[in-house]
Amino acid sequence: MKSVLEVAHIIISILLILSILSQQRSAGLSSTFGGTGSFQVSKRGAEKVLFNMTVIFAVLFVACSILYLFV
């Protein structure tokens, strides 16, 4: 059980790192791929999916860390 949890923790941490690094701080995802950089208030499309996946990976990472304490 402990080794399965360790592998899951490593996979979740790698996915979390990749999802954080693929976001840009000042510009949206559209300007990354050559879009115009227009100002938008809300996240749309792939940027919103990437943001939601980052939140999910962060929650899974914390849950996996807490679960690892009790195993």
Protein backbone atom coordinates (compact mmCIF):
# COMPACT_ATOMS: atom_id res chain seq x y z
CA MET A 1 0.00 0.00 0.00
CA LYS A 2 2.80 2.40 0.86
CA SER A 3 4.63 1.89 -2.44
CA VAL A 4 1.42 2.45 -4.43
CA LEU A 5 0.86 5.67 -2.53
CA GLU A 6 4.43 6.79 -3.18
CA VAL A 7 4.07 6.19 -6.92
CA ALA A 8 0.72 8.05 -6.97
CA HIS A 9 2.30 10.94 -5.06
CA ILE A 10 5.16 11.20 -7.56
CA ILE A 11 2.79 11.11 -10.55
CA ILE A 12 0.49 13.74 -9.03
CA SER A 13 3.42 15.99 -8.18
CA ILE A 14 4.80 15.79 -11.73
CA LEU A 15 1.37 16.57 -13.19
CA LEU A 16 0.98 19.49 -10.79
CA ILE A 17 4.38 20.91 -11.75
CA LEU A 18 3.61 20.59 -15.46
CA SER A 19 0.20 22.22 -15.12
CA ILE A 20 1.66 25.15 -13.17
CA LEU A 21 4.56 25.67 -15.57
CA SER A 22 2.31 25.61 -18.64
CA GLN A 23 0.40 28.66 -17.37
CA GLN A 24 1.67 32.16 -18.00
CA ARG A 25 1.51 34.80 -15.34
CA SER A 26 0.70 37.96 -17.25
CA ALA A 27 -0.87 36.70 -20.45
CA GLY A 28 -3.56 34.26 -21.34
CA LEU A 29 -3.07 30.98 -23.13
CA SER A 30 -4.19 32.52 -26.42
CA SER A 31 -1.18 34.84 -26.58
CA THR A 32 1.12 31.88 -26.00
CA PHE A 33 0.10 30.45 -29.36
CA GLY A 34 0.20 33.75 -31.27
CA GLY A 35 -3.15 35.24 -30.32
CA THR A 36 -3.73 38.96 -29.95
CA GLY A 37 -3.38 39.46 -26.20
CA SER A 38 -6.75 41.17 -25.80
CA PHE A 39 -7.93 41.77 -22.25
CA GLN A 40 -10.41 39.21 -20.93
CA VAL A 41 -11.92 39.15 -17.48
CA SER A 42 -12.71 35.44 -17.32
CA LYS A 43 -10.76 32.36 -18.33
CA ARG A 44 -12.04 30.57 -21.42
CA GLY A 45 -11.36 27.36 -23.27
CA ALA A 46 -8.10 25.55 -22.68
CA GLU A 47 -6.93 28.11 -20.13
CA LYS A 48 -9.95 27.39 -17.93
CA VAL A 49 -9.46 23.62 -18.23
CA LEU A 50 -5.78 24.00 -17.35
CA PHE A 51 -6.63 26.15 -14.32
CA ASN A 52 -9.24 23.65 -13.10
CA MET A 53 -6.82 20.74 -13.56
CA THR A 54 -4.19 22.63 -11.54
CA VAL A 55 -6.66 23.03 -8.67
CA ILE A 56 -7.61 19.33 -8.86
CA PHE A 57 -3.95 18.24 -8.86
CA ALA A 58 -3.22 20.50 -5.88
CA VAL A 59 -6.11 19.03 -3.88
CA LEU A 60 -5.04 15.49 -4.80
CA PHE A 61 -1.45 16.29 -3.80
CA VAL A 62 -2.51 17.55 -0.37
CA ALA A 63 -4.86 14.61 0.14
CA CYS A 64 -2.16 12.16 -0.87
CA SER A 65 0.31 13.82 1.51
CA ILE A 66 -2.10 13.63 4.43
CA LEU A 67 -2.99 10.03 3.60
CA TYR A 68 0.72 9.16 3.48
CA LEU A 69 1.05 10.28 7.11
CA PHE A 70 -1.43 7.64 8.28
CA VAL A 71 -0.10 4.69 6.28
